[in-house]
Amino acid sequence: LAKFNHVRSEFMIELEVLIEDSGRFACRFLNNIERMWEAREILTFPVDLIGMAIDQKKKKFISHSFSQQIIDERWFGALKNKTFTGKCLVALEFILSPLLVLPMFLKFLLFDVCSGVPVMKSSF
C-alpha cells in the first residue's frame, strides 16, 4: 500500500488510514498465533515478511516476540538458541572475541605503524 502513495492527493488520507490499519492488523494477527513454528511459516514463506518490515521500518511488527526470535535465529544460527551447548558457544564467542582481536591489533600497532610501514599505499 505504501507504494501507491503518489496516486492522487484526494485519496491520500484514505491511503494513510489503510496503511496504519494494515500495520495494526499485522500486529494483532501475530498476537493470535500460538506456536512459533506457525509464526515462522507465516512470516518467512513464501515471502520474507521480516525483511520487508525491516526495510519499511515497521517497529511494532519487528518488536513482536515472534519476529525477534526469527531475527535471533538468523543472526546466531537456528540451533545455537535452542541447546545449552549452543548458548554456551554464543557466550564464549562473545567473551573471547576481544582476546582474538587483540593480537592482530597489537601486531598492526607495534610492527606496522611503529616501523614506518605505510598502512595504505598511496596511488600518487
N, C-alpha and C. Protein backbone atom coordinates (compact mmCIF):
# COMPACT_ATOMS: atom_id res chain seq x y z
N LEU A 1 0.81 -1.19 0.00
CA LEU A 1 0.00 0.00 0.00
C LEU A 1 0.86 1.26 0.00
N ALA A 2 2.02 1.18 0.62
CA ALA A 2 2.87 2.36 0.69
C ALA A 2 3.38 2.77 -0.69
N LYS A 3 3.41 1.85 -1.65
CA LYS A 3 3.88 2.16 -3.00
C LYS A 3 2.91 3.06 -3.75
N PHE A 4 1.63 3.07 -3.35
CA PHE A 4 0.63 3.83 -4.07
C PHE A 4 0.39 5.20 -3.46
N ASN A 5 1.32 5.68 -2.67
CA ASN A 5 1.17 6.99 -2.03
C ASN A 5 1.09 8.13 -3.04
N HIS A 6 1.67 7.95 -4.19
CA HIS A 6 1.75 9.02 -5.17
C HIS A 6 0.51 9.12 -6.07
N VAL A 7 -0.49 8.30 -5.87
CA VAL A 7 -1.62 8.19 -6.80
C VAL A 7 -2.32 9.52 -7.00
N ARG A 8 -3.05 9.97 -6.04
CA ARG A 8 -3.75 11.24 -6.14
C ARG A 8 -3.89 11.85 -4.76
N SER A 9 -3.87 13.15 -4.72
CA SER A 9 -3.94 13.81 -3.43
C SER A 9 -5.30 13.63 -2.75
N GLU A 10 -6.33 13.41 -3.54
CA GLU A 10 -7.67 13.25 -2.95
C GLU A 10 -7.82 11.93 -2.19
N PHE A 11 -7.00 10.94 -2.55
CA PHE A 11 -7.05 9.65 -1.86
C PHE A 11 -5.96 9.49 -0.80
N MET A 12 -5.19 10.54 -0.59
CA MET A 12 -4.05 10.46 0.31
C MET A 12 -4.48 10.10 1.74
N ILE A 13 -5.51 10.73 2.25
CA ILE A 13 -5.94 10.47 3.63
C ILE A 13 -6.40 9.03 3.78
N GLU A 14 -7.18 8.54 2.81
CA GLU A 14 -7.67 7.16 2.87
C GLU A 14 -6.52 6.17 2.80
N LEU A 15 -5.52 6.47 1.96
CA LEU A 15 -4.36 5.57 1.86
C LEU A 15 -3.58 5.53 3.17
N GLU A 16 -3.37 6.67 3.79
CA GLU A 16 -2.65 6.70 5.06
C GLU A 16 -3.39 5.93 6.15
N VAL A 17 -4.71 6.04 6.16
CA VAL A 17 -5.51 5.29 7.14
C VAL A 17 -5.40 3.79 6.87
N LEU A 18 -5.44 3.40 5.59
CA LEU A 18 -5.30 1.98 5.25
C LEU A 18 -3.92 1.44 5.64
N ILE A 19 -2.88 2.23 5.44
CA ILE A 19 -1.53 1.79 5.80
C ILE A 19 -1.43 1.58 7.31
N GLU A 20 -1.96 2.52 8.08
CA GLU A 20 -1.93 2.39 9.54
C GLU A 20 -2.76 1.19 10.00
N ASP A 21 -3.93 0.99 9.40
CA ASP A 21 -4.79 -0.14 9.77
C ASP A 21 -4.13 -1.47 9.44
N SER A 22 -3.45 -1.54 8.30
CA SER A 22 -2.80 -2.81 7.94
C SER A 22 -1.67 -3.13 8.91
N GLY A 23 -0.95 -2.11 9.38
CA GLY A 23 0.10 -2.34 10.37
C GLY A 23 -0.46 -2.84 11.70
N ARG A 24 -1.56 -2.23 12.13
CA ARG A 24 -2.20 -2.68 13.38
C ARG A 24 -2.75 -4.10 13.24
N PHE A 25 -3.31 -4.40 12.07
CA PHE A 25 -3.84 -5.75 11.84
C PHE A 25 -2.72 -6.79 11.89
N ALA A 26 -1.58 -6.47 11.30
CA ALA A 26 -0.45 -7.41 11.30
C ALA A 26 0.01 -7.72 12.73
N CYS A 27 0.08 -6.69 13.57
CA CYS A 27 0.50 -6.92 14.96
C CYS A 27 -0.55 -7.72 15.74
N ARG A 28 -1.82 -7.42 15.52
CA ARG A 28 -2.86 -8.20 16.20
C ARG A 28 -2.88 -9.64 15.70
N PHE A 29 -2.61 -9.83 14.42
CA PHE A 29 -2.56 -11.17 13.86
C PHE A 29 -1.45 -11.98 14.52
N LEU A 30 -0.27 -11.36 14.70
CA LEU A 30 0.83 -12.05 15.37
C LEU A 30 0.48 -12.39 16.81
N ASN A 31 -0.29 -11.55 17.47
CA ASN A 31 -0.69 -11.83 18.85
C ASN A 31 -1.59 -13.06 18.95
N ASN A 32 -2.30 -13.39 17.89
CA ASN A 32 -3.22 -14.53 17.91
C ASN A 32 -2.57 -15.84 17.51
N ILE A 33 -1.34 -15.82 17.09
CA ILE A 33 -0.63 -17.05 16.74
C ILE A 33 -0.13 -17.70 18.02
N GLU A 34 -0.31 -19.02 18.14
CA GLU A 34 0.04 -19.70 19.38
C GLU A 34 1.42 -20.33 19.38
N ARG A 35 1.87 -20.84 18.27
CA ARG A 35 3.13 -21.59 18.22
C ARG A 35 4.16 -20.87 17.35
N MET A 36 5.42 -21.07 17.71
CA MET A 36 6.50 -20.43 16.97
C MET A 36 6.61 -20.97 15.56
N TRP A 37 6.40 -22.27 15.37
CA TRP A 37 6.53 -22.83 14.02
C TRP A 37 5.46 -22.26 13.11
N GLU A 38 4.27 -21.95 13.64
CA GLU A 38 3.24 -21.31 12.82
C GLU A 38 3.68 -19.91 12.40
N ALA A 39 4.23 -19.18 13.35
CA ALA A 39 4.71 -17.83 13.05
C ALA A 39 5.83 -17.87 12.02
N ARG A 40 6.74 -18.85 12.14
CA ARG A 40 7.84 -18.96 11.18
C ARG A 40 7.32 -19.25 9.78
N GLU A 41 6.31 -20.12 9.68
CA GLU A 41 5.72 -20.43 8.37
C GLU A 41 5.07 -19.19 7.76
N ILE A 42 4.35 -18.45 8.57
CA ILE A 42 3.64 -17.27 8.05
C ILE A 42 4.60 -16.14 7.70
N LEU A 43 5.60 -15.91 8.53
CA LEU A 43 6.48 -14.76 8.35
C LEU A 43 7.60 -14.97 7.35
N THR A 44 7.90 -16.22 7.02
CA THR A 44 9.04 -16.44 6.11
C THR A 44 8.67 -17.08 4.78
N PHE A 45 7.54 -17.75 4.67
CA PHE A 45 7.18 -18.42 3.41
C PHE A 45 5.89 -17.86 2.88
N PRO A 46 5.67 -17.65 1.65
CA PRO A 46 6.59 -17.65 0.51
C PRO A 46 7.38 -16.35 0.38
N VAL A 47 6.99 -15.32 1.13
CA VAL A 47 7.68 -14.03 1.08
C VAL A 47 8.28 -13.75 2.45
N ASP A 48 9.46 -13.19 2.48
CA ASP A 48 10.12 -12.87 3.74
C ASP A 48 9.54 -11.57 4.30
N LEU A 49 8.52 -11.70 5.13
CA LEU A 49 7.85 -10.52 5.69
C LEU A 49 8.72 -9.79 6.70
N ILE A 50 9.62 -10.51 7.36
CA ILE A 50 10.52 -9.87 8.32
C ILE A 50 11.44 -8.90 7.59
N GLY A 51 12.01 -9.33 6.49
CA GLY A 51 12.89 -8.45 5.72
C GLY A 51 12.17 -7.23 5.19
N MET A 52 10.94 -7.44 4.73
CA MET A 52 10.15 -6.31 4.24
C MET A 52 9.84 -5.33 5.37
N ALA A 53 9.52 -5.84 6.54
CA ALA A 53 9.22 -4.97 7.68
C ALA A 53 10.45 -4.18 8.12
N ILE A 54 11.62 -4.81 8.05
CA ILE A 54 12.85 -4.10 8.40
C ILE A 54 13.12 -3.01 7.38
N ASP A 55 12.94 -3.30 6.10
CA ASP A 55 13.15 -2.29 5.06
C ASP A 55 12.20 -1.11 5.20
N GLN A 56 10.97 -1.38 5.60
CA GLN A 56 9.97 -0.32 5.72
C GLN A 56 9.92 0.29 7.12
N LYS A 57 10.83 -0.15 8.00
CA LYS A 57 10.95 0.38 9.36
C LYS A 57 9.65 0.28 10.16
N LYS A 58 9.04 -0.90 10.13
CA LYS A 58 7.82 -1.16 10.90
C LYS A 58 8.23 -1.65 12.29
N LYS A 59 8.43 -0.73 13.21
CA LYS A 59 8.99 -1.05 14.52
C LYS A 59 8.09 -1.94 15.36
N LYS A 60 6.79 -1.71 15.33
CA LYS A 60 5.89 -2.53 16.14
C LYS A 60 5.88 -3.98 15.66
N PHE A 61 5.91 -4.17 14.36
CA PHE A 61 5.90 -5.52 13.80
C PHE A 61 7.21 -6.24 14.13
N ILE A 62 8.31 -5.53 13.99
CA ILE A 62 9.62 -6.13 14.24
C ILE A 62 9.83 -6.40 15.74
N SER A 63 9.23 -5.58 16.59
CA SER A 63 9.43 -5.75 18.02
C SER A 63 8.60 -6.89 18.63
N HIS A 64 7.72 -7.49 17.86
CA HIS A 64 6.94 -8.62 18.37
C HIS A 64 7.88 -9.79 18.69
N SER A 65 7.54 -10.56 19.70
CA SER A 65 8.45 -11.63 20.16
C SER A 65 8.71 -12.68 19.09
N PHE A 66 7.71 -13.01 18.27
CA PHE A 66 7.94 -13.99 17.20
C PHE A 66 8.93 -13.45 16.17
N SER A 67 8.77 -12.18 15.80
CA SER A 67 9.69 -11.58 14.84
C SER A 67 11.10 -11.52 15.42
N GLN A 68 11.21 -11.18 16.70
CA GLN A 68 12.52 -11.11 17.34
C GLN A 68 13.20 -12.47 17.39
N GLN A 69 12.43 -13.52 17.62
CA GLN A 69 13.02 -14.85 17.69
C GLN A 69 13.53 -15.28 16.32
N ILE A 70 12.81 -14.95 15.26
CA ILE A 70 13.26 -15.28 13.91
C ILE A 70 14.52 -14.49 13.57
N ILE A 71 14.57 -13.23 13.96
CA ILE A 71 15.76 -12.42 13.71
C ILE A 71 16.95 -12.97 14.49
N ASP A 72 16.74 -13.39 15.75
CA ASP A 72 17.81 -14.01 16.53
C ASP A 72 18.32 -15.29 15.89
N GLU A 73 17.40 -16.11 15.37
CA GLU A 73 17.82 -17.35 14.71
C GLU A 73 18.66 -17.05 13.48
N ARG A 74 18.31 -16.03 12.75
CA ARG A 74 19.10 -15.67 11.57
C ARG A 74 20.46 -15.13 11.99
N TRP A 75 20.51 -14.39 13.07
CA TRP A 75 21.77 -13.77 13.50
C TRP A 75 22.72 -14.80 14.11
N PHE A 76 22.21 -15.63 15.02
CA PHE A 76 23.07 -16.57 15.73
C PHE A 76 23.09 -17.97 15.13
N GLY A 77 22.16 -18.29 14.28
CA GLY A 77 22.03 -19.65 13.78
C GLY A 77 20.88 -20.34 14.48
N ALA A 78 20.23 -21.25 13.79
CA ALA A 78 18.99 -21.83 14.31
C ALA A 78 19.21 -22.69 15.56
N LEU A 79 20.29 -23.46 15.61
CA LEU A 79 20.47 -24.39 16.74
C LEU A 79 21.12 -23.75 17.95
N LYS A 80 21.79 -22.63 17.78
CA LYS A 80 22.51 -22.04 18.90
C LYS A 80 21.57 -21.53 19.99
N ASN A 81 20.36 -21.14 19.63
CA ASN A 81 19.44 -20.61 20.63
C ASN A 81 18.69 -21.71 21.38
N LYS A 82 18.72 -22.93 20.89
CA LYS A 82 17.86 -23.97 21.44
C LYS A 82 18.57 -24.89 22.43
N THR A 83 19.84 -25.15 22.23
CA THR A 83 20.52 -26.10 23.10
C THR A 83 21.41 -25.37 24.11
N PHE A 84 21.69 -26.05 25.20
CA PHE A 84 22.55 -25.46 26.23
C PHE A 84 23.96 -25.24 25.70
N THR A 85 24.48 -26.21 24.95
CA THR A 85 25.83 -26.05 24.40
C THR A 85 25.87 -24.92 23.39
N GLY A 86 24.81 -24.76 22.62
CA GLY A 86 24.76 -23.65 21.67
C GLY A 86 24.79 -22.31 22.37
N LYS A 87 24.06 -22.21 23.47
CA LYS A 87 24.06 -20.96 24.24
C LYS A 87 25.43 -20.70 24.86
N CYS A 88 26.08 -21.78 25.31
CA CYS A 88 27.43 -21.63 25.87
C CYS A 88 28.42 -21.18 24.79
N LEU A 89 28.28 -21.70 23.58
CA LEU A 89 29.16 -21.30 22.48
C LEU A 89 28.98 -19.82 22.14
N VAL A 90 27.74 -19.36 22.13
CA VAL A 90 27.49 -17.94 21.87
C VAL A 90 28.14 -17.08 22.95
N ALA A 91 28.02 -17.51 24.21
CA ALA A 91 28.63 -16.75 25.31
C ALA A 91 30.16 -16.76 25.18
N LEU A 92 30.75 -17.90 24.83
CA LEU A 92 32.20 -17.97 24.66
C LEU A 92 32.68 -17.10 23.50
N GLU A 93 31.94 -17.10 22.40
CA GLU A 93 32.30 -16.24 21.28
C GLU A 93 32.28 -14.78 21.70
N PHE A 94 31.29 -14.41 22.48
CA PHE A 94 31.18 -13.03 22.94
C PHE A 94 32.33 -12.67 23.87
N ILE A 95 32.68 -13.60 24.77
CA ILE A 95 33.74 -13.33 25.74
C ILE A 95 35.12 -13.35 25.09
N LEU A 96 35.35 -14.29 24.19
CA LEU A 96 36.68 -14.48 23.61
C LEU A 96 36.98 -13.59 22.41
N SER A 97 35.98 -12.97 21.83
CA SER A 97 36.23 -12.18 20.63
C SER A 97 37.22 -11.03 20.86
N PRO A 98 37.18 -10.31 21.99
CA PRO A 98 38.23 -9.29 22.18
C PRO A 98 39.62 -9.89 22.32
N LEU A 99 39.71 -11.08 22.91
CA LEU A 99 41.01 -11.73 23.07
C LEU A 99 41.59 -12.17 21.74
N LEU A 100 40.73 -12.51 20.78
CA LEU A 100 41.20 -12.93 19.47
C LEU A 100 41.59 -11.74 18.60
N VAL A 101 40.95 -10.62 18.81
CA VAL A 101 41.24 -9.43 18.01
C VAL A 101 42.46 -8.69 18.56
N LEU A 102 42.71 -8.78 19.84
CA LEU A 102 43.81 -8.06 20.47
C LEU A 102 45.18 -8.36 19.86
N PRO A 103 45.57 -9.63 19.61
CA PRO A 103 46.88 -9.87 18.99
C PRO A 103 47.01 -9.26 17.61
N MET A 104 45.94 -9.29 16.83
CA MET A 104 46.01 -8.69 15.50
C MET A 104 46.18 -7.17 15.60
N PHE A 105 45.48 -6.56 16.55
CA PHE A 105 45.59 -5.12 16.74
C PHE A 105 47.00 -4.74 17.20
N LEU A 106 47.56 -5.52 18.15
CA LEU A 106 48.92 -5.24 18.64
C LEU A 106 49.95 -5.40 17.54
N LYS A 107 49.81 -6.41 16.71
CA LYS A 107 50.73 -6.60 15.58
C LYS A 107 50.66 -5.40 14.66
N PHE A 108 49.46 -4.96 14.36
CA PHE A 108 49.29 -3.79 13.50
C PHE A 108 49.91 -2.56 14.14
N LEU A 109 49.64 -2.38 15.42
CA LEU A 109 50.11 -1.18 16.11
C LEU A 109 51.62 -1.18 16.27
N LEU A 110 52.18 -2.30 16.71
CA LEU A 110 53.61 -2.33 17.03
C LEU A 110 54.50 -2.50 15.81
N PHE A 111 54.14 -3.37 14.91
CA PHE A 111 55.03 -3.68 13.80
C PHE A 111 54.78 -2.82 12.57
N ASP A 112 53.52 -2.59 12.24
CA ASP A 112 53.23 -1.86 11.01
C ASP A 112 53.33 -0.35 11.21
N VAL A 113 52.69 0.17 12.24
CA VAL A 113 52.66 1.61 12.43
C VAL A 113 54.00 2.12 12.96
N CYS A 114 54.57 1.44 13.96
CA CYS A 114 55.81 1.91 14.59
C CYS A 114 57.03 1.74 13.69
N SER A 115 57.01 0.78 12.78
CA SER A 115 58.17 0.56 11.92
C SER A 115 58.15 1.44 10.68
N GLY A 116 57.12 2.23 10.52
CA GLY A 116 57.07 3.16 9.39
C GLY A 116 56.49 2.57 8.13
N VAL A 117 55.96 1.39 8.20
CA VAL A 117 55.32 0.79 7.03
C VAL A 117 54.00 1.51 6.80
N PRO A 118 53.77 2.03 5.60
CA PRO A 118 52.51 2.73 5.37
C PRO A 118 51.32 1.76 5.45
N VAL A 119 50.28 2.22 6.10
CA VAL A 119 49.11 1.40 6.27
C VAL A 119 48.44 1.13 4.93
N MET A 120 48.28 2.18 4.16
CA MET A 120 47.70 2.04 2.81
C MET A 120 48.66 2.71 1.85
N LYS A 121 49.03 2.02 0.82
CA LYS A 121 49.94 2.61 -0.16
C LYS A 121 49.19 3.62 -1.00
N SER A 122 49.78 4.75 -1.14
CA SER A 122 49.15 5.83 -1.89
C SER A 122 49.21 5.53 -3.38
N SER A 123 48.21 5.98 -4.09
CA SER A 123 48.19 5.77 -5.55
C SER A 123 48.82 6.92 -6.29
N PHE A 124 49.38 7.89 -5.54
CA PHE A 124 50.02 9.05 -6.19
C PHE A 124 51.40 8.73 -6.63
